[in-house]
PDB file of N, CA and C in Angstrom:
ATOM      1  N   MET A   1      11.289  -1.380  -3.967  1.00  0.00           N
ATOM      2  CA  MET A   1      10.597  -2.164  -2.968  1.00  0.00           C
ATOM      3  C   MET A   1       9.097  -1.887  -3.124  1.00  0.00           C
ATOM      4  N   THR A   2       8.295  -2.891  -2.864  1.00  0.00           N
ATOM      5  CA  THR A   2       6.846  -2.712  -2.952  1.00  0.00           C
ATOM      6  C   THR A   2       6.220  -2.706  -1.562  1.00  0.00           C
ATOM      7  N   LEU A   3       4.981  -2.274  -1.502  1.00  0.00           N
ATOM      8  CA  LEU A   3       4.254  -2.265  -0.235  1.00  0.00           C
ATOM      9  C   LEU A   3       4.151  -3.676   0.335  1.00  0.00           C
ATOM     10  N   ALA A   4       4.042  -4.673  -0.521  1.00  0.00           N
ATOM     11  CA  ALA A   4       3.958  -6.070  -0.075  1.00  0.00           C
ATOM     12  C   ALA A   4       5.261  -6.553   0.563  1.00  0.00           C
ATOM     13  N   ASP A   5       6.395  -5.909   0.245  1.00  0.00           N
ATOM     14  CA  ASP A   5       7.700  -6.301   0.788  1.00  0.00           C
ATOM     15  C   ASP A   5       7.987  -5.715   2.168  1.00  0.00           C
ATOM     16  N   MET A   6       7.213  -4.732   2.584  1.00  0.00           N
ATOM     17  CA  MET A   6       7.471  -4.040   3.849  1.00  0.00           C
ATOM     18  C   MET A   6       7.169  -4.937   5.044  1.00  0.00           C
ATOM     19  N   LYS A   7       7.936  -4.757   6.104  1.00  0.00           N
ATOM     20  CA  LYS A   7       7.738  -5.504   7.352  1.00  0.00           C
ATOM     21  C   LYS A   7       6.646  -4.843   8.183  1.00  0.00           C
ATOM     22  N   VAL A   8       6.105  -5.600   9.110  1.00  0.00           N
ATOM     23  CA  VAL A   8       5.084  -5.102  10.028  1.00  0.00           C
ATOM     24  C   VAL A   8       5.705  -4.956  11.402  1.00  0.00           C
ATOM     25  N   PRO A   9       5.579  -3.862  12.096  1.00  0.00           N
ATOM     26  CA  PRO A   9       5.039  -2.580  11.642  1.00  0.00           C
ATOM     27  C   PRO A   9       6.142  -1.753  10.979  1.00  0.00           C
ATOM     28  N   SER A  10       5.770  -0.894  10.052  1.00  0.00           N
ATOM     29  CA  SER A  10       6.728   0.007   9.418  1.00  0.00           C
ATOM     30  C   SER A  10       5.986   1.145   8.737  1.00  0.00           C
ATOM     31  N   GLN A  11       6.773   2.124   8.282  1.00  0.00           N
ATOM     32  CA  GLN A  11       6.213   3.257   7.557  1.00  0.00           C
ATOM     33  C   GLN A  11       6.958   3.417   6.251  1.00  0.00           C
ATOM     34  N   CYS A  12       6.231   3.906   5.251  1.00  0.00           N
ATOM     35  CA  CYS A  12       6.834   4.113   3.941  1.00  0.00           C
ATOM     36  C   CYS A  12       6.114   5.250   3.226  1.00  0.00           C
ATOM     37  N   ARG A  13       6.692   5.655   2.100  1.00  0.00           N
ATOM     38  CA  ARG A  13       6.103   6.680   1.242  1.00  0.00           C
ATOM     39  C   ARG A  13       5.915   6.065  -0.137  1.00  0.00           C
ATOM     40  N   ILE A  14       4.760   6.305  -0.728  1.00  0.00           N
ATOM     41  CA  ILE A  14       4.463   5.749  -2.047  1.00  0.00           C
ATOM     42  C   ILE A  14       5.241   6.509  -3.117  1.00  0.00           C
ATOM     43  N   ILE A  15       5.891   5.758  -3.998  1.00  0.00           N
ATOM     44  CA  ILE A  15       6.619   6.318  -5.134  1.00  0.00           C
ATOM     45  C   ILE A  15       5.754   6.244  -6.386  1.00  0.00           C
ATOM     46  N   SER A  16       5.130   5.094  -6.617  1.00  0.00           N
ATOM     47  CA  SER A  16       4.233   4.924  -7.764  1.00  0.00           C
ATOM     48  C   SER A  16       3.224   3.831  -7.444  1.00  0.00           C
ATOM     49  N   ALA A  17       2.110   3.876  -8.165  1.00  0.00           N
ATOM     50  CA  ALA A  17       1.052   2.894  -7.919  1.00  0.00           C
ATOM     51  C   ALA A  17       0.443   2.434  -9.234  1.00  0.00           C
ATOM     52  N   ALA A  18       0.639   1.183  -9.576  1.00  0.00           N
ATOM     53  CA  ALA A  18      -0.008   0.526 -10.725  1.00  0.00           C
ATOM     54  C   ALA A  18       0.125   1.318 -12.018  1.00  0.00           C
ATOM     55  N   ASN A  19       1.329   1.753 -12.340  1.00  0.00           N
ATOM     56  CA  ASN A  19       1.527   2.561 -13.541  1.00  0.00           C
ATOM     57  C   ASN A  19       1.130   1.859 -14.828  1.00  0.00           C
ATOM     58  N   GLU A  20       1.189   0.530 -14.854  1.00  0.00           N
ATOM     59  CA  GLU A  20       0.895  -0.194 -16.091  1.00  0.00           C
ATOM     60  C   GLU A  20      -0.590  -0.466 -16.295  1.00  0.00           C
ATOM     61  N   ASN A  21      -1.424  -0.198 -15.315  1.00  0.00           N
ATOM     62  CA  ASN A  21      -2.856  -0.480 -15.417  1.00  0.00           C
ATOM     63  C   ASN A  21      -3.638   0.730 -14.918  1.00  0.00           C
ATOM     64  N   ILE A  22      -4.127   1.539 -15.854  1.00  0.00           N
ATOM     65  CA  ILE A  22      -4.807   2.791 -15.518  1.00  0.00           C
ATOM     66  C   ILE A  22      -6.068   2.550 -14.695  1.00  0.00           C
ATOM     67  N   GLU A  23      -6.806   1.493 -14.983  1.00  0.00           N
ATOM     68  CA  GLU A  23      -8.034   1.206 -14.237  1.00  0.00           C
ATOM     69  C   GLU A  23      -7.732   0.914 -12.763  1.00  0.00           C
ATOM     70  N   VAL A  24      -6.747   0.061 -12.519  1.00  0.00           N
ATOM     71  CA  VAL A  24      -6.355  -0.263 -11.144  1.00  0.00           C
ATOM     72  C   VAL A  24      -5.762   0.971 -10.477  1.00  0.00           C
ATOM     73  N   GLN A  25      -4.963   1.722 -11.216  1.00  0.00           N
ATOM     74  CA  GLN A  25      -4.361   2.933 -10.672  1.00  0.00           C
ATOM     75  C   GLN A  25      -5.442   3.909 -10.207  1.00  0.00           C
ATOM     76  N   GLY A  26      -6.487   4.079 -10.995  1.00  0.00           N
ATOM     77  CA  GLY A  26      -7.591   4.963 -10.617  1.00  0.00           C
ATOM     78  C   GLY A  26      -8.265   4.517  -9.332  1.00  0.00           C
ATOM     79  N   ARG A  27      -8.439   3.218  -9.175  1.00  0.00           N
ATOM     80  CA  ARG A  27      -9.060   2.681  -7.957  1.00  0.00           C
ATOM     81  C   ARG A  27      -8.163   2.916  -6.742  1.00  0.00           C
ATOM     82  N   LEU A  28      -6.857   2.680  -6.903  1.00  0.00           N
ATOM     83  CA  LEU A  28      -5.921   2.914  -5.800  1.00  0.00           C
ATOM     84  C   LEU A  28      -5.861   4.399  -5.439  1.00  0.00           C
ATOM     85  N   TYR A  29      -5.846   5.264  -6.448  1.00  0.00           N
ATOM     86  CA  TYR A  29      -5.837   6.704  -6.194  1.00  0.00           C
ATOM     87  C   TYR A  29      -7.098   7.121  -5.449  1.00  0.00           C
ATOM     88  N   ALA A  30      -8.245   6.550  -5.800  1.00  0.00           N
ATOM     89  CA  ALA A  30      -9.507   6.869  -5.124  1.00  0.00           C
ATOM     90  C   ALA A  30      -9.461   6.478  -3.646  1.00  0.00           C
ATOM     91  N   LEU A  31      -8.670   5.464  -3.318  1.00  0.00           N
ATOM     92  CA  LEU A  31      -8.503   5.040  -1.925  1.00  0.00           C
ATOM     93  C   LEU A  31      -7.462   5.886  -1.185  1.00  0.00           C
ATOM     94  N   GLY A  32      -6.792   6.794  -1.908  1.00  0.00           N
ATOM     95  CA  GLY A  32      -5.771   7.635  -1.285  1.00  0.00           C
ATOM     96  C   GLY A  32      -4.363   7.114  -1.437  1.00  0.00           C
ATOM     97  N   LEU A  33      -4.176   6.075  -2.254  1.00  0.00           N
ATOM     98  CA  LEU A  33      -2.855   5.470  -2.463  1.00  0.00           C
ATOM     99  C   LEU A  33      -2.221   6.048  -3.724  1.00  0.00           C
ATOM    100  N   TYR A  34      -1.605   7.219  -3.591  1.00  0.00           N
ATOM    101  CA  TYR A  34      -0.969   7.862  -4.731  1.00  0.00           C
ATOM    102  C   TYR A  34       0.412   8.374  -4.323  1.00  0.00           C
ATOM    103  N   PRO A  35       1.275   8.707  -5.294  1.00  0.00           N
ATOM    104  CA  PRO A  35       2.653   9.098  -4.985  1.00  0.00           C
ATOM    105  C   PRO A  35       2.740  10.244  -3.975  1.00  0.00           C
ATOM    106  N   GLY A  36       3.686  10.098  -3.037  1.00  0.00           N
ATOM    107  CA  GLY A  36       3.929  11.107  -2.022  1.00  0.00           C
ATOM    108  C   GLY A  36       3.223  10.863  -0.702  1.00  0.00           C
ATOM    109  N   VAL A  37       2.250   9.967  -0.689  1.00  0.00           N
ATOM    110  CA  VAL A  37       1.472   9.695   0.520  1.00  0.00           C
ATOM    111  C   VAL A  37       2.257   8.773   1.451  1.00  0.00           C
ATOM    112  N   SER A  38       2.229   9.087   2.748  1.00  0.00           N
ATOM    113  CA  SER A  38       2.860   8.228   3.758  1.00  0.00           C
ATOM    114  C   SER A  38       1.875   7.166   4.213  1.00  0.00           C
ATOM    115  N   VAL A  39       2.373   5.944   4.352  1.00  0.00           N
ATOM    116  CA  VAL A  39       1.546   4.794   4.712  1.00  0.00           C
ATOM    117  C   VAL A  39       2.188   4.082   5.902  1.00  0.00           C
ATOM    118  N   SER A  40       1.369   3.677   6.859  1.00  0.00           N
ATOM    119  CA  SER A  40       1.831   2.837   7.967  1.00  0.00           C
ATOM    120  C   SER A  40       1.321   1.426   7.740  1.00  0.00           C
ATOM    121  N   ILE A  41       2.213   0.452   7.775  1.00  0.00           N
ATOM    122  CA  ILE A  41       1.813  -0.951   7.662  1.00  0.00           C
ATOM    123  C   ILE A  41       1.572  -1.434   9.084  1.00  0.00           C
ATOM    124  N   LEU A  42       0.345  -1.834   9.376  1.00  0.00           N
ATOM    125  CA  LEU A  42      -0.043  -2.158  10.747  1.00  0.00           C
ATOM    126  C   LEU A  42       0.004  -3.639  11.057  1.00  0.00           C
ATOM    127  N   ARG A  43      -0.600  -4.463  10.205  1.00  0.00           N
ATOM    128  CA  ARG A  43      -0.622  -5.908  10.484  1.00  0.00           C
ATOM    129  C   ARG A  43      -0.991  -6.695   9.242  1.00  0.00           C
ATOM    130  N   LEU A  44      -0.685  -7.982   9.327  1.00  0.00           N
ATOM    131  CA  LEU A  44      -1.042  -8.944   8.283  1.00  0.00           C
ATOM    132  C   LEU A  44      -2.083  -9.900   8.840  1.00  0.00           C
ATOM    133  N   ALA A  45      -2.938 -10.388   7.980  1.00  0.00           N
ATOM    134  CA  ALA A  45      -3.843 -11.464   8.381  1.00  0.00           C
ATOM    135  C   ALA A  45      -2.992 -12.704   8.665  1.00  0.00           C
ATOM    136  N   PRO A  46      -3.508 -13.657   9.425  1.00  0.00           N
ATOM    137  CA  PRO A  46      -2.731 -14.868   9.739  1.00  0.00           C
ATOM    138  C   PRO A  46      -2.181 -15.585   8.503  1.00  0.00           C
ATOM    139  N   THR A  47      -2.884 -15.500   7.390  1.00  0.00           N
ATOM    140  CA  THR A  47      -2.422 -16.136   6.158  1.00  0.00           C
ATOM    141  C   THR A  47      -1.488 -15.238   5.352  1.00  0.00           C
ATOM    142  N   GLY A  48      -1.257 -13.983   5.835  1.00  0.00           N
ATOM    143  CA  GLY A  48      -0.395 -13.045   5.128  1.00  0.00           C
ATOM    144  C   GLY A  48      -1.130 -12.184   4.125  1.00  0.00           C
ATOM    145  N   ASP A  49      -2.415 -12.366   3.982  1.00  0.00           N
ATOM    146  CA  ASP A  49      -3.208 -11.626   3.009  1.00  0.00           C
ATOM    147  C   ASP A  49      -4.621 -11.486   3.554  1.00  0.00           C
ATOM    148  N   PRO A  50      -5.175 -10.304   3.718  1.00  0.00           N
ATOM    149  CA  PRO A  50      -4.714  -8.986   3.285  1.00  0.00           C
ATOM    150  C   PRO A  50      -3.761  -8.319   4.282  1.00  0.00           C
ATOM    151  N   ILE A  51      -3.339  -7.114   3.886  1.00  0.00           N
ATOM    152  CA  ILE A  51      -2.453  -6.285   4.687  1.00  0.00           C
ATOM    153  C   ILE A  51      -3.261  -5.088   5.179  1.00  0.00           C
ATOM    154  N   GLN A  52      -3.189  -4.796   6.475  1.00  0.00           N
ATOM    155  CA  GLN A  52      -3.882  -3.624   7.002  1.00  0.00           C
ATOM    156  C   GLN A  52      -2.906  -2.462   7.042  1.00  0.00           C
ATOM    157  N   ILE A  53      -3.341  -1.325   6.471  1.00  0.00           N
ATOM    158  CA  ILE A  53      -2.507  -0.127   6.418  1.00  0.00           C
ATOM    159  C   ILE A  53      -3.295   1.068   6.942  1.00  0.00           C
ATOM    160  N   ARG A  54      -2.555   2.124   7.288  1.00  0.00           N
ATOM    161  CA  ARG A  54      -3.178   3.387   7.691  1.00  0.00           C
ATOM    162  C   ARG A  54      -2.661   4.482   6.779  1.00  0.00           C
ATOM    163  N   ILE A  55      -3.598   5.276   6.267  1.00  0.00           N
ATOM    164  CA  ILE A  55      -3.273   6.462   5.478  1.00  0.00           C
ATOM    165  C   ILE A  55      -3.963   7.615   6.188  1.00  0.00           C
ATOM    166  N   GLY A  56      -3.187   8.493   6.795  1.00  0.00           N
ATOM    167  CA  GLY A  56      -3.792   9.557   7.599  1.00  0.00           C
ATOM    168  C   GLY A  56      -4.581   8.919   8.733  1.00  0.00           C
ATOM    169  N   GLY A  57      -5.860   9.232   8.839  1.00  0.00           N
ATOM    170  CA  GLY A  57      -6.698   8.645   9.875  1.00  0.00           C
ATOM    171  C   GLY A  57      -7.529   7.478   9.396  1.00  0.00           C
ATOM    172  N   MET A  58      -7.308   7.029   8.161  1.00  0.00           N
ATOM    173  CA  MET A  58      -8.130   5.977   7.563  1.00  0.00           C
ATOM    174  C   MET A  58      -7.401   4.633   7.587  1.00  0.00           C
ATOM    175  N   LEU A  59      -8.106   3.585   8.002  1.00  0.00           N
ATOM    176  CA  LEU A  59      -7.569   2.222   7.962  1.00  0.00           C
ATOM    177  C   LEU A  59      -8.096   1.516   6.726  1.00  0.00           C
ATOM    178  N   LEU A  60      -7.206   0.825   6.024  1.00  0.00           N
ATOM    179  CA  LEU A  60      -7.568   0.060   4.831  1.00  0.00           C
ATOM    180  C   LEU A  60      -6.968  -1.329   4.920  1.00  0.00           C
ATOM    181  N   SER A  61      -7.635  -2.276   4.324  1.00  0.00           N
ATOM    182  CA  SER A  61      -7.061  -3.608   4.114  1.00  0.00           C
ATOM    183  C   SER A  61      -6.982  -3.812   2.618  1.00  0.00           C
ATOM    184  N   ILE A  62      -5.782  -4.109   2.140  1.00  0.00           N
ATOM    185  CA  ILE A  62      -5.618  -4.352   0.706  1.00  0.00           C
ATOM    186  C   ILE A  62      -5.017  -5.730   0.496  1.00  0.00           C
ATOM    187  N   ARG A  63      -5.338  -6.296  -0.654  1.00  0.00           N
ATOM    188  CA  ARG A  63      -4.821  -7.622  -0.987  1.00  0.00           C
ATOM    189  C   ARG A  63      -3.326  -7.543  -1.283  1.00  0.00           C
ATOM    190  N   LYS A  64      -2.661  -8.643  -1.048  1.00  0.00           N
ATOM    191  CA  LYS A  64      -1.213  -8.682  -1.259  1.00  0.00           C
ATOM    192  C   LYS A  64      -0.861  -8.424  -2.727  1.00  0.00           C
ATOM    193  N   HIS A  65      -1.661  -8.923  -3.667  1.00  0.00           N
ATOM    194  CA  HIS A  65      -1.334  -8.683  -5.081  1.00  0.00           C
ATOM    195  C   HIS A  65      -1.514  -7.208  -5.449  1.00  0.00           C
ATOM    196  N   GLU A  66      -2.398  -6.482  -4.754  1.00  0.00           N
ATOM    197  CA  GLU A  66      -2.516  -5.036  -4.971  1.00  0.00           C
ATOM    198  C   GLU A  66      -1.316  -4.319  -4.351  1.00  0.00           C
ATOM    199  N   ALA A  67      -0.907  -4.745  -3.159  1.00  0.00           N
ATOM    200  CA  ALA A  67       0.252  -4.146  -2.494  1.00  0.00           C
ATOM    201  C   ALA A  67       1.526  -4.367  -3.311  1.00  0.00           C
ATOM    202  N   ALA A  68       1.572  -5.445  -4.075  1.00  0.00           N
ATOM    203  CA  ALA A  68       2.762  -5.778  -4.867  1.00  0.00           C
ATOM    204  C   ALA A  68       2.957  -4.851  -6.063  1.00  0.00           C
ATOM    205  N   ILE A  69       1.946  -4.063  -6.432  1.00  0.00           N
ATOM    206  CA  ILE A  69       2.093  -3.141  -7.568  1.00  0.00           C
ATOM    207  C   ILE A  69       2.225  -1.689  -7.105  1.00  0.00           C
ATOM    208  N   ILE A  70       2.420  -1.506  -5.787  1.00  0.00           N
ATOM    209  CA  ILE A  70       2.620  -0.166  -5.230  1.00  0.00           C
ATOM    210  C   ILE A  70       4.076  -0.059  -4.799  1.00  0.00           C
ATOM    211  N   GLU A  71       4.841   0.762  -5.519  1.00  0.00           N
ATOM    212  CA  GLU A  71       6.261   0.931  -5.210  1.00  0.00           C
ATOM    213  C   GLU A  71       6.414   1.972  -4.107  1.00  0.00           C
ATOM    214  N   VAL A  72       7.240   1.648  -3.104  1.00  0.00           N
ATOM    215  CA  VAL A  72       7.406   2.519  -1.936  1.00  0.00           C
ATOM    216  C   VAL A  72       8.877   2.669  -1.562  1.00  0.00           C
ATOM    217  N   GLU A  73       9.136   3.644  -0.677  1.00  0.00           N
ATOM    218  CA  GLU A  73      10.443   3.782  -0.041  1.00  0.00           C
ATOM    219  C   GLU A  73      10.210   3.874   1.457  1.00  0.00           C
ATOM    220  N   ALA A  74      11.053   3.231   2.231  1.00  0.00           N
ATOM    221  CA  ALA A  74      10.929   3.255   3.692  1.00  0.00           C
ATOM    222  C   ALA A  74      11.245   4.653   4.213  1.00  0.00           C
ATOM    223  N   ILE A  75      10.551   5.055   5.287  1.00  0.00           N
ATOM    224  CA  ILE A  75      10.844   6.356   5.921  1.00  0.00           C
ATOM    225  C   ILE A  75      11.066   6.153   7.407  1.00  0.00           C
TER     226      ILE A  75
END
């Protein structure tokens, strides 16, 4: 399952992030999106893109195509 597949609101744990693209993976890791991190999916924009998430105390909005390359498991 990917982060883009998760329902709002929900929580998940990242399994992998952009393994096929090192450049994108580095950017996601810099934002705190790396394996083992717990993520809360808070809301979607009216059009469904972007997705607002919480990592620890930080709020992020990521594009749906970025969320689609982050593999997660529900917790």
